[in-house]
Amino acid sequence: MSLFDRLVVAAMPLVPRYLVGKVAAPYIAGETLDDAVRVVRSLNDKGLMATVDVLGEFVSEQAEAERAAAEYLRLLDRLAAEKLDANISVKPTALGMDVDGQFVRRTLRRVIECASGHGMFVRIDMEDSPHTDETLKIYDEFRREFPVGTVLQAYLRRSLSDVARLTAGGKSNFRLCKGIYVEPEAIAFKDREEVRANYVALLDAMFAAGAYVGIATHDSVLVERAMDLIRKHGLKREQYEFQMLLGVRHDLRDRIVADGHRLRVYVPYGEAWYGYSTRRLKENPQIAGYVVKSMFGL
């Protein structure tokens, strides 16, 4: 990361909201359900699948979680009515995990039952480490009734044991990503090559156990290693998929699809775009630095 990029990240809290919006625009569908539908339809027209996320997380009030659930129900009905090739991703803290353990289960059940009624899949997203155990417990409970999946993060040292435990409990569906939250070194790998090595080990273990995996990465090295593992395990294209964020690495995305693999794009939308955007820009300072340079002709 260059010094300029570091300065951009440090200055993010001082950047006017409208400027953050300009920088983040390629990575957010918009604020409304109509915006999300428009983007998903455009992706489908290009032969890409989508997973849609209503932005928002770490809510502390039941009413806020209820509003998020209601928006997911609207989203599911609309995706089904439009016959779009999409599923949804749900953050447990958006539906009340920090409010109460039973409350989030009731709220999430309403969303999952609606999705199941439409024949749609739900990805139970992973958040920071204080929520990992409870998220995996909820996934393990719901997968016994519904088509749901969860997320494992390659930078967490615990993830290989989580794969072994969850795959021993039956057919599993994972999204595998590197991990985005800032975690202590005691529980998370910090070196890039260590994270890459663990990612490959996790993916190999998932495939060996017969799990369906959403290979979520923008790292060209990991894409190549994933393709090696797909060949090693003799997988058909219906047994896995690649996943990428909206607006990121179109060149790599197009190459993956051209090589005959299926790819799903993560499509976030909603009024809570600002928090999501600032976090993403902090995680990807090169993007923020590049855009700021472009804006000012540097």
C-alpha atoms as a PDB file:
ATOM      1  CA  MET A   1       0.000   0.000   0.000  1.00  0.00           C
ATOM      2  CA  SER A   2       1.455   3.366  -1.005  1.00  0.00           C
ATOM      3  CA  LEU A   3       1.759   6.327   1.353  1.00  0.00           C
ATOM      4  CA  PHE A   4      -0.911   8.126  -0.697  1.00  0.00           C
ATOM      5  CA  ASP A   5      -3.332   5.221  -0.263  1.00  0.00           C
ATOM      6  CA  ARG A   6      -2.642   5.178   3.483  1.00  0.00           C
ATOM      7  CA  LEU A   7      -3.411   8.888   3.681  1.00  0.00           C
ATOM      8  CA  VAL A   8      -6.659   8.395   1.783  1.00  0.00           C
ATOM      9  CA  VAL A   9      -7.732   5.662   4.224  1.00  0.00           C
ATOM     10  CA  ALA A  10      -6.817   7.824   7.244  1.00  0.00           C
ATOM     11  CA  ALA A  11      -8.834  10.711   5.811  1.00  0.00           C
ATOM     12  CA  MET A  12     -11.975   8.659   5.093  1.00  0.00           C
ATOM     13  CA  PRO A  13     -13.905   9.955   8.162  1.00  0.00           C
ATOM     14  CA  LEU A  14     -13.343  13.514   6.881  1.00  0.00           C
ATOM     15  CA  VAL A  15     -14.482  12.833   3.321  1.00  0.00           C
ATOM     16  CA  PRO A  16     -17.928  14.329   2.545  1.00  0.00           C
ATOM     17  CA  ARG A  17     -20.706  11.759   2.236  1.00  0.00           C
ATOM     18  CA  TYR A  18     -21.439  12.648  -1.402  1.00  0.00           C
ATOM     19  CA  LEU A  19     -17.783  12.024  -2.342  1.00  0.00           C
ATOM     20  CA  VAL A  20     -17.851   8.622  -0.669  1.00  0.00           C
ATOM     21  CA  GLY A  21     -20.982   7.940  -2.701  1.00  0.00           C
ATOM     22  CA  LYS A  22     -19.183   8.806  -5.931  1.00  0.00           C
ATOM     23  CA  VAL A  23     -16.254   6.562  -5.084  1.00  0.00           C
ATOM     24  CA  ALA A  24     -18.481   3.693  -3.969  1.00  0.00           C
ATOM     25  CA  ALA A  25     -21.053   3.904  -6.761  1.00  0.00           C
ATOM     26  CA  PRO A  26     -19.597   1.044  -8.876  1.00  0.00           C
ATOM     27  CA  TYR A  27     -19.787  -1.309  -5.885  1.00  0.00           C
ATOM     28  CA  ILE A  28     -23.355  -0.577  -4.699  1.00  0.00           C
ATOM     29  CA  ALA A  29     -26.510  -1.248  -6.727  1.00  0.00           C
ATOM     30  CA  GLY A  30     -28.213   1.779  -5.162  1.00  0.00           C
ATOM     31  CA  GLU A  31     -30.547   2.583  -2.287  1.00  0.00           C
ATOM     32  CA  THR A  32     -33.755   0.962  -3.541  1.00  0.00           C
ATOM     33  CA  LEU A  33     -35.128  -2.443  -4.447  1.00  0.00           C
ATOM     34  CA  ASP A  34     -35.660  -1.184  -7.998  1.00  0.00           C
ATOM     35  CA  ASP A  35     -31.936  -0.412  -8.183  1.00  0.00           C
ATOM     36  CA  ALA A  36     -31.065  -3.949  -7.082  1.00  0.00           C
ATOM     37  CA  VAL A  37     -33.456  -5.533  -9.587  1.00  0.00           C
ATOM     38  CA  ARG A  38     -32.040  -3.412 -12.407  1.00  0.00           C
ATOM     39  CA  VAL A  39     -28.468  -4.498 -11.603  1.00  0.00           C
ATOM     40  CA  VAL A  40     -29.369  -8.172 -11.191  1.00  0.00           C
ATOM     41  CA  ARG A  41     -31.213  -8.184 -14.506  1.00  0.00           C
ATOM     42  CA  SER A  42     -28.183  -6.628 -16.203  1.00  0.00           C
ATOM     43  CA  LEU A  43     -25.904  -9.292 -14.703  1.00  0.00           C
ATOM     44  CA  ASN A  44     -28.259 -12.092 -15.756  1.00  0.00           C
ATOM     45  CA  ASP A  45     -28.269 -10.705 -19.288  1.00  0.00           C
ATOM     46  CA  LYS A  46     -24.482 -11.205 -19.267  1.00  0.00           C
ATOM     47  CA  GLY A  47     -24.793 -14.808 -18.127  1.00  0.00           C
ATOM     48  CA  LEU A  48     -23.939 -14.054 -14.493  1.00  0.00           C
ATOM     49  CA  MET A  49     -25.816 -15.104 -11.360  1.00  0.00           C
ATOM     50  CA  ALA A  50     -26.309 -12.820  -8.356  1.00  0.00           C
ATOM     51  CA  THR A  51     -26.677 -12.841  -4.602  1.00  0.00           C
ATOM     52  CA  VAL A  52     -28.417  -9.798  -3.159  1.00  0.00           C
ATOM     53  CA  ASP A  53     -27.736  -8.272   0.248  1.00  0.00           C
ATOM     54  CA  VAL A  54     -29.870  -5.651   1.990  1.00  0.00           C
ATOM     55  CA  LEU A  55     -27.205  -3.463   3.571  1.00  0.00           C
ATOM     56  CA  GLY A  56     -27.170  -3.096   7.331  1.00  0.00           C
ATOM     57  CA  GLU A  57     -25.513  -4.863  10.266  1.00  0.00           C
ATOM     58  CA  PHE A  58     -24.954  -4.809  14.035  1.00  0.00           C
ATOM     59  CA  VAL A  59     -28.454  -3.534  14.800  1.00  0.00           C
ATOM     60  CA  SER A  60     -29.388  -3.146  18.455  1.00  0.00           C
ATOM     61  CA  GLU A  61     -33.154  -2.619  18.254  1.00  0.00           C
ATOM     62  CA  GLN A  62     -35.827  -5.174  17.386  1.00  0.00           C
ATOM     63  CA  ALA A  63     -37.709  -2.661  15.268  1.00  0.00           C
ATOM     64  CA  GLU A  64     -34.655  -2.122  13.054  1.00  0.00           C
ATOM     65  CA  ALA A  65     -34.204  -5.867  12.592  1.00  0.00           C
ATOM     66  CA  GLU A  66     -37.901  -6.230  11.745  1.00  0.00           C
ATOM     67  CA  ARG A  67     -37.546  -3.566   9.053  1.00  0.00           C
ATOM     68  CA  ALA A  68     -34.584  -5.443   7.571  1.00  0.00           C
ATOM     69  CA  ALA A  69     -36.575  -8.685   7.541  1.00  0.00           C
ATOM     70  CA  ALA A  70     -39.520  -6.967   5.861  1.00  0.00           C
ATOM     71  CA  GLU A  71     -37.208  -5.644   3.149  1.00  0.00           C
ATOM     72  CA  TYR A  72     -35.817  -9.142   2.562  1.00  0.00           C
ATOM     73  CA  LEU A  73     -39.358 -10.458   2.131  1.00  0.00           C
ATOM     74  CA  ARG A  74     -40.061  -7.728  -0.446  1.00  0.00           C
ATOM     75  CA  LEU A  75     -36.787  -8.572  -2.173  1.00  0.00           C
ATOM     76  CA  LEU A  76     -37.539 -12.297  -2.349  1.00  0.00           C
ATOM     77  CA  ASP A  77     -41.040 -11.731  -3.734  1.00  0.00           C
ATOM     78  CA  ARG A  78     -39.659  -9.365  -6.370  1.00  0.00           C
ATOM     79  CA  LEU A  79     -36.794 -11.635  -7.438  1.00  0.00           C
ATOM     80  CA  ALA A  80     -39.265 -14.491  -7.827  1.00  0.00           C
ATOM     81  CA  ALA A  81     -41.806 -12.370  -9.714  1.00  0.00           C
ATOM     82  CA  GLU A  82     -39.104 -11.120 -12.108  1.00  0.00           C
ATOM     83  CA  LYS A  83     -37.764 -14.689 -12.524  1.00  0.00           C
ATOM     84  CA  LEU A  84     -34.204 -13.490 -11.900  1.00  0.00           C
ATOM     85  CA  ASP A  85     -31.262 -15.854 -11.387  1.00  0.00           C
ATOM     86  CA  ALA A  86     -30.413 -14.740  -7.866  1.00  0.00           C
ATOM     87  CA  ASN A  87     -30.373 -15.767  -4.239  1.00  0.00           C
ATOM     88  CA  ILE A  88     -29.906 -13.678  -1.092  1.00  0.00           C
ATOM     89  CA  SER A  89     -27.180 -13.117   1.496  1.00  0.00           C
ATOM     90  CA  VAL A  90     -28.226 -12.248   5.056  1.00  0.00           C
ATOM     91  CA  LYS A  91     -26.099 -10.904   7.903  1.00  0.00           C
ATOM     92  CA  PRO A  92     -27.375 -12.300  11.223  1.00  0.00           C
ATOM     93  CA  THR A  93     -26.635  -9.067  13.079  1.00  0.00           C
ATOM     94  CA  ALA A  94     -28.900  -7.227  10.623  1.00  0.00           C
ATOM     95  CA  LEU A  95     -31.745  -9.498  11.725  1.00  0.00           C
ATOM     96  CA  GLY A  96     -31.108  -9.108  15.444  1.00  0.00           C
ATOM     97  CA  MET A  97     -28.326 -11.429  16.576  1.00  0.00           C
ATOM     98  CA  ASP A  98     -27.066  -8.750  18.971  1.00  0.00           C
ATOM     99  CA  VAL A  99     -30.601  -8.242  20.295  1.00  0.00           C
ATOM    100  CA  ASP A 100     -31.410 -11.811  21.320  1.00  0.00           C
ATOM    101  CA  GLY A 101     -30.510 -15.330  20.178  1.00  0.00           C
ATOM    102  CA  GLN A 102     -34.091 -16.548  19.897  1.00  0.00           C
ATOM    103  CA  PHE A 103     -35.270 -13.332  18.289  1.00  0.00           C
ATOM    104  CA  VAL A 104     -32.747 -13.608  15.440  1.00  0.00           C
ATOM    105  CA  ARG A 105     -33.792 -17.222  14.863  1.00  0.00           C
ATOM    106  CA  ARG A 106     -37.452 -16.214  14.558  1.00  0.00           C
ATOM    107  CA  THR A 107     -36.629 -13.321  12.247  1.00  0.00           C
ATOM    108  CA  LEU A 108     -34.294 -15.382  10.094  1.00  0.00           C
ATOM    109  CA  ARG A 109     -36.808 -18.218   9.901  1.00  0.00           C
ATOM    110  CA  ARG A 110     -39.397 -15.887   8.356  1.00  0.00           C
ATOM    111  CA  VAL A 111     -36.912 -14.886   5.678  1.00  0.00           C
ATOM    112  CA  ILE A 112     -35.747 -18.448   5.019  1.00  0.00           C
ATOM    113  CA  GLU A 113     -39.288 -19.808   4.867  1.00  0.00           C
ATOM    114  CA  CYS A 114     -40.209 -17.141   2.323  1.00  0.00           C
ATOM    115  CA  ALA A 115     -37.128 -17.977   0.242  1.00  0.00           C
ATOM    116  CA  SER A 116     -37.863 -21.694   0.456  1.00  0.00           C
ATOM    117  CA  GLY A 117     -41.419 -21.047  -0.718  1.00  0.00           C
ATOM    118  CA  HIS A 118     -39.966 -19.434  -3.833  1.00  0.00           C
ATOM    119  CA  GLY A 119     -37.445 -22.251  -4.292  1.00  0.00           C
ATOM    120  CA  MET A 120     -34.591 -19.890  -3.435  1.00  0.00           C
ATOM    121  CA  PHE A 121     -31.371 -20.303  -1.478  1.00  0.00           C
ATOM    122  CA  VAL A 122     -30.209 -18.210   1.497  1.00  0.00           C
ATOM    123  CA  ARG A 123     -26.570 -17.542   2.361  1.00  0.00           C
ATOM    124  CA  ILE A 124     -26.108 -16.861   6.081  1.00  0.00           C
ATOM    125  CA  ASP A 125     -23.201 -14.423   6.004  1.00  0.00           C
ATOM    126  CA  MET A 126     -20.257 -14.422   8.379  1.00  0.00           C
ATOM    127  CA  GLU A 127     -19.251 -11.343  10.345  1.00  0.00           C
ATOM    128  CA  ASP A 128     -16.536 -10.648  12.914  1.00  0.00           C
ATOM    129  CA  SER A 129     -15.136 -13.276  15.288  1.00  0.00           C
ATOM    130  CA  PRO A 130     -17.427 -12.601  18.290  1.00  0.00           C
ATOM    131  CA  HIS A 131     -20.308 -13.806  16.088  1.00  0.00           C
ATOM    132  CA  THR A 132     -18.630 -16.832  14.479  1.00  0.00           C
ATOM    133  CA  ASP A 133     -19.756 -19.563  16.877  1.00  0.00           C
ATOM    134  CA  GLU A 134     -23.377 -18.427  16.964  1.00  0.00           C
ATOM    135  CA  THR A 135     -23.550 -17.968  13.195  1.00  0.00           C
ATOM    136  CA  LEU A 136     -22.281 -21.491  12.555  1.00  0.00           C
ATOM    137  CA  LYS A 137     -24.676 -22.859  15.168  1.00  0.00           C
ATOM    138  CA  ILE A 138     -27.599 -21.136  13.441  1.00  0.00           C
ATOM    139  CA  TYR A 139     -26.473 -22.445  10.049  1.00  0.00           C
ATOM    140  CA  ASP A 140     -26.192 -25.978  11.417  1.00  0.00           C
ATOM    141  CA  GLU A 141     -29.728 -25.738  12.821  1.00  0.00           C
ATOM    142  CA  PHE A 142     -31.389 -24.337   9.698  1.00  0.00           C
ATOM    143  CA  ARG A 143     -29.610 -26.506   7.117  1.00  0.00           C
ATOM    144  CA  ARG A 144     -31.486 -29.499   8.507  1.00  0.00           C
ATOM    145  CA  GLU A 145     -34.730 -27.968   7.187  1.00  0.00           C
ATOM    146  CA  PHE A 146     -33.883 -25.542   4.397  1.00  0.00           C
ATOM    147  CA  PRO A 147     -31.481 -24.893   1.489  1.00  0.00           C
ATOM    148  CA  VAL A 148     -29.036 -22.569   3.257  1.00  0.00           C
ATOM    149  CA  GLY A 149     -25.292 -22.032   3.299  1.00  0.00           C
ATOM    150  CA  THR A 150     -22.786 -20.113   5.342  1.00  0.00           C
ATOM    151  CA  VAL A 151     -19.369 -18.480   4.991  1.00  0.00           C
ATOM    152  CA  LEU A 152     -15.925 -19.499   6.216  1.00  0.00           C
ATOM    153  CA  GLN A 153     -12.959 -17.141   6.262  1.00  0.00           C
ATOM    154  CA  ALA A 154      -9.483 -18.288   5.255  1.00  0.00           C
ATOM    155  CA  TYR A 155      -7.663 -15.895   7.553  1.00  0.00           C
ATOM    156  CA  LEU A 156      -9.179 -17.488  10.676  1.00  0.00           C
ATOM    157  CA  ARG A 157      -7.017 -20.207  12.164  1.00  0.00           C
ATOM    158  CA  ARG A 158     -10.095 -22.153  13.270  1.00  0.00           C
ATOM    159  CA  SER A 159     -11.625 -22.591   9.815  1.00  0.00           C
ATOM    160  CA  LEU A 160     -10.120 -25.999   8.951  1.00  0.00           C
ATOM    161  CA  SER A 161     -11.595 -27.493  12.116  1.00  0.00           C
ATOM    162  CA  ASP A 162     -14.928 -25.844  11.279  1.00  0.00           C
ATOM    163  CA  VAL A 163     -14.877 -27.523   7.861  1.00  0.00           C
ATOM    164  CA  ALA A 164     -14.168 -30.918   9.420  1.00  0.00           C
ATOM    165  CA  ARG A 165     -16.966 -30.532  11.956  1.00  0.00           C
ATOM    166  CA  LEU A 166     -19.605 -29.153   9.588  1.00  0.00           C
ATOM    167  CA  THR A 167     -18.962 -31.557   6.726  1.00  0.00           C
ATOM    168  CA  ALA A 168     -19.140 -34.492   9.159  1.00  0.00           C
ATOM    169  CA  GLY A 169     -22.674 -33.357   9.973  1.00  0.00           C
ATOM    170  CA  GLY A 170     -23.972 -33.787   6.431  1.00  0.00           C
ATOM    171  CA  LYS A 171     -24.041 -32.061   3.049  1.00  0.00           C
ATOM    172  CA  SER A 172     -22.590 -28.555   3.365  1.00  0.00           C
ATOM    173  CA  ASN A 173     -22.711 -25.368   1.328  1.00  0.00           C
ATOM    174  CA  PHE A 174     -19.982 -22.779   1.918  1.00  0.00           C
ATOM    175  CA  ARG A 175     -18.821 -19.475   0.577  1.00  0.00           C
ATOM    176  CA  LEU A 176     -15.058 -19.367   1.057  1.00  0.00           C
ATOM    177  CA  CYS A 177     -13.464 -15.933   1.301  1.00  0.00           C
ATOM    178  CA  LYS A 178     -10.229 -14.536   2.727  1.00  0.00           C
ATOM    179  CA  GLY A 179     -11.931 -12.496   5.460  1.00  0.00           C
ATOM    180  CA  ILE A 180     -12.377  -8.757   5.869  1.00  0.00           C
ATOM    181  CA  TYR A 181     -12.656  -7.914   9.570  1.00  0.00           C
ATOM    182  CA  VAL A 182      -9.667  -6.817  11.631  1.00  0.00           C
ATOM    183  CA  GLU A 183      -8.899  -9.686  13.995  1.00  0.00           C
ATOM    184  CA  PRO A 184      -6.039 -10.342  16.466  1.00  0.00           C
ATOM    185  CA  GLU A 185      -3.085 -12.409  15.290  1.00  0.00           C
ATOM    186  CA  ALA A 186      -3.873 -15.039  17.914  1.00  0.00           C
ATOM    187  CA  ILE A 187      -6.926 -16.105  15.909  1.00  0.00           C
ATOM    188  CA  ALA A 188      -6.134 -14.872  12.387  1.00  0.00           C
ATOM    189  CA  PHE A 189      -3.306 -15.236   9.909  1.00  0.00           C
ATOM    190  CA  LYS A 190      -1.796 -11.892   8.940  1.00  0.00           C
ATOM    191  CA  ASP A 191       0.661 -12.847   6.219  1.00  0.00           C
ATOM    192  CA  ARG A 192      -0.801 -12.849   2.696  1.00  0.00           C
ATOM    193  CA  GLU A 193       0.859 -16.117   1.729  1.00  0.00           C
ATOM    194  CA  GLU A 194      -0.358 -17.804   4.910  1.00  0.00           C
ATOM    195  CA  VAL A 195      -3.907 -16.725   4.120  1.00  0.00           C
ATOM    196  CA  ARG A 196      -3.561 -17.977   0.548  1.00  0.00           C
ATOM    197  CA  ALA A 197      -2.187 -21.320   1.714  1.00  0.00           C
ATOM    198  CA  ASN A 198      -5.036 -21.746   4.184  1.00  0.00           C
ATOM    199  CA  TYR A 199      -7.567 -20.779   1.510  1.00  0.00           C
ATOM    200  CA  VAL A 200      -6.280 -23.543  -0.767  1.00  0.00           C
ATOM    201  CA  ALA A 201      -6.217 -26.066   2.094  1.00  0.00           C
ATOM    202  CA  LEU A 202      -9.793 -25.179   3.036  1.00  0.00           C
ATOM    203  CA  LEU A 203     -11.040 -25.412  -0.535  1.00  0.00           C
ATOM    204  CA  ASP A 204      -9.343 -28.788  -0.991  1.00  0.00           C
ATOM    205  CA  ALA A 205     -10.924 -30.070   2.230  1.00  0.00           C
ATOM    206  CA  MET A 206     -14.362 -28.765   1.244  1.00  0.00           C
ATOM    207  CA  PHE A 207     -14.219 -30.387  -2.182  1.00  0.00           C
ATOM    208  CA  ALA A 208     -12.929 -33.662  -0.701  1.00  0.00           C
ATOM    209  CA  ALA A 209     -15.915 -33.714   1.670  1.00  0.00           C
ATOM    210  CA  GLY A 210     -18.391 -33.178  -1.172  1.00  0.00           C
ATOM    211  CA  ALA A 211     -19.380 -29.663  -0.150  1.00  0.00           C
ATOM    212  CA  TYR A 212     -20.728 -27.142  -2.642  1.00  0.00           C
ATOM    213  CA  VAL A 213     -18.456 -24.097  -2.556  1.00  0.00           C
ATOM    214  CA  GLY A 214     -18.817 -20.509  -3.680  1.00  0.00           C
ATOM    215  CA  ILE A 215     -15.175 -19.660  -4.392  1.00  0.00           C
ATOM    216  CA  ALA A 216     -15.193 -15.993  -3.427  1.00  0.00           C
ATOM    217  CA  THR A 217     -11.984 -14.245  -4.408  1.00  0.00           C
ATOM    218  CA  HIS A 218     -10.569 -11.489  -6.605  1.00  0.00           C
ATOM    219  CA  ASP A 219      -7.046 -12.892  -6.237  1.00  0.00           C
ATOM    220  CA  SER A 220      -5.768 -14.210  -9.577  1.00  0.00           C
ATOM    221  CA  VAL A 221      -3.396 -16.588  -7.816  1.00  0.00           C
ATOM    222  CA  LEU A 222      -6.248 -18.168  -5.843  1.00  0.00           C
ATOM    223  CA  VAL A 223      -8.424 -18.403  -8.944  1.00  0.00           C
ATOM    224  CA  GLU A 224      -5.714 -20.428 -10.687  1.00  0.00           C
ATOM    225  CA  ARG A 225      -5.217 -22.677  -7.653  1.00  0.00           C
ATOM    226  CA  ALA A 226      -8.981 -23.160  -7.384  1.00  0.00           C
ATOM    227  CA  MET A 227      -9.110 -24.250 -11.014  1.00  0.00           C
ATOM    228  CA  ASP A 228      -6.329 -26.744 -10.294  1.00  0.00           C
ATOM    229  CA  LEU A 229      -8.404 -28.190  -7.438  1.00  0.00           C
ATOM    230  CA  ILE A 230     -11.535 -28.339  -9.601  1.00  0.00           C
ATOM    231  CA  ARG A 231      -9.583 -30.463 -12.074  1.00  0.00           C
ATOM    232  CA  LYS A 232      -8.032 -32.551  -9.296  1.00  0.00           C
ATOM    233  CA  HIS A 233     -11.443 -33.431  -7.854  1.00  0.00           C
ATOM    234  CA  GLY A 234     -13.038 -33.910 -11.282  1.00  0.00           C
ATOM    235  CA  LEU A 235     -15.889 -31.510 -10.518  1.00  0.00           C
ATOM    236  CA  LYS A 236     -18.661 -30.646 -12.945  1.00  0.00           C
ATOM    237  CA  ARG A 237     -19.522 -26.957 -13.337  1.00  0.00           C
ATOM    238  CA  GLU A 238     -22.770 -27.451 -11.383  1.00  0.00           C
ATOM    239  CA  GLN A 239     -20.843 -28.569  -8.286  1.00  0.00           C
ATOM    240  CA  TYR A 240     -19.250 -25.203  -7.459  1.00  0.00           C
ATOM    241  CA  GLU A 241     -19.249 -21.556  -8.492  1.00  0.00           C
ATOM    242  CA  PHE A 242     -16.972 -18.541  -8.373  1.00  0.00           C
ATOM    243  CA  GLN A 243     -18.144 -15.385  -6.609  1.00  0.00           C
ATOM    244  CA  MET A 244     -17.039 -11.757  -6.847  1.00  0.00           C
ATOM    245  CA  LEU A 245     -18.136  -8.368  -5.573  1.00  0.00           C
ATOM    246  CA  LEU A 246     -20.066  -5.980  -7.777  1.00  0.00           C
ATOM    247  CA  GLY A 247     -17.757  -3.610  -9.638  1.00  0.00           C
ATOM    248  CA  VAL A 248     -14.497  -5.453  -8.901  1.00  0.00           C
ATOM    249  CA  ARG A 249     -12.068  -7.111 -11.350  1.00  0.00           C
ATOM    250  CA  HIS A 250     -14.272  -7.245 -14.446  1.00  0.00           C
ATOM    251  CA  ASP A 251     -11.289  -8.567 -16.393  1.00  0.00           C
ATOM    252  CA  LEU A 252     -10.866 -11.554 -14.106  1.00  0.00           C
ATOM    253  CA  ARG A 253     -14.628 -12.078 -13.899  1.00  0.00           C
ATOM    254  CA  ASP A 254     -14.955 -12.216 -17.679  1.00  0.00           C
ATOM    255  CA  ARG A 255     -12.016 -14.612 -18.004  1.00  0.00           C
ATOM    256  CA  ILE A 256     -13.506 -17.022 -15.441  1.00  0.00           C
ATOM    257  CA  VAL A 257     -16.818 -17.077 -17.326  1.00  0.00           C
ATOM    258  CA  ALA A 258     -15.104 -17.399 -20.702  1.00  0.00           C
ATOM    259  CA  ASP A 259     -13.301 -20.471 -19.360  1.00  0.00           C
ATOM    260  CA  GLY A 260     -16.687 -22.108 -18.792  1.00  0.00           C
ATOM    261  CA  HIS A 261     -17.183 -21.582 -15.046  1.00  0.00           C
ATOM    262  CA  ARG A 262     -20.303 -20.204 -13.394  1.00  0.00           C
ATOM    263  CA  LEU A 263     -19.942 -16.938 -11.497  1.00  0.00           C
ATOM    264  CA  ARG A 264     -22.179 -15.151  -9.001  1.00  0.00           C
ATOM    265  CA  VAL A 265     -21.905 -11.422  -8.249  1.00  0.00           C
ATOM    266  CA  TYR A 266     -22.588 -10.021  -4.781  1.00  0.00           C
ATOM    267  CA  VAL A 267     -25.093  -7.154  -5.186  1.00  0.00           C
ATOM    268  CA  PRO A 268     -25.568  -4.946  -2.098  1.00  0.00           C
ATOM    269  CA  TYR A 269     -28.222  -2.247  -1.880  1.00  0.00           C
ATOM    270  CA  GLY A 270     -30.023  -0.135   0.675  1.00  0.00           C
ATOM    271  CA  GLU A 271     -29.975   3.070   2.649  1.00  0.00           C
ATOM    272  CA  ALA A 272     -27.131   1.798   4.857  1.00  0.00           C
ATOM    273  CA  TRP A 273     -24.683   2.073   1.956  1.00  0.00           C
ATOM    274  CA  TYR A 274     -22.360   4.558   3.686  1.00  0.00           C
ATOM    275  CA  GLY A 275     -21.048   2.229   6.411  1.00  0.00           C
ATOM    276  CA  TYR A 276     -20.557  -0.602   3.931  1.00  0.00           C
ATOM    277  CA  SER A 277     -18.770   1.695   1.489  1.00  0.00           C
ATOM    278  CA  THR A 278     -16.351   3.219   3.986  1.00  0.00           C
ATOM    279  CA  ARG A 279     -15.429  -0.239   5.283  1.00  0.00           C
ATOM    280  CA  ARG A 280     -14.832  -1.574   1.780  1.00  0.00           C
ATOM    281  CA  LEU A 281     -12.689   1.412   0.876  1.00  0.00           C
ATOM    282  CA  LYS A 282     -10.636   0.973   4.036  1.00  0.00           C
ATOM    283  CA  GLU A 283     -10.159  -2.684   3.150  1.00  0.00           C
ATOM    284  CA  ASN A 284      -9.182  -1.779  -0.435  1.00  0.00           C
ATOM    285  CA  PRO A 285      -7.180   1.435  -0.091  1.00  0.00           C
ATOM    286  CA  GLN A 286      -5.697   1.071  -3.566  1.00  0.00           C
ATOM    287  CA  ILE A 287      -9.197   1.471  -4.996  1.00  0.00           C
ATOM    288  CA  ALA A 288      -9.861   4.580  -2.929  1.00  0.00           C
ATOM    289  CA  GLY A 289      -6.481   6.040  -3.844  1.00  0.00           C
ATOM    290  CA  TYR A 290      -6.960   5.335  -7.555  1.00  0.00           C
ATOM    291  CA  VAL A 291     -10.388   6.956  -7.637  1.00  0.00           C
ATOM    292  CA  VAL A 292      -9.246  10.042  -5.715  1.00  0.00           C
ATOM    293  CA  LYS A 293      -6.331  10.457  -8.114  1.00  0.00           C
ATOM    294  CA  SER A 294      -8.687  10.183 -11.074  1.00  0.00           C
ATOM    295  CA  MET A 295     -11.124  12.703  -9.609  1.00  0.00           C
ATOM    296  CA  PHE A 296      -8.408  15.306  -9.137  1.00  0.00           C
ATOM    297  CA  GLY A 297      -6.459  14.494 -12.296  1.00  0.00           C
ATOM    298  CA  LEU A 298      -3.370  13.340 -10.388  1.00  0.00           C
END
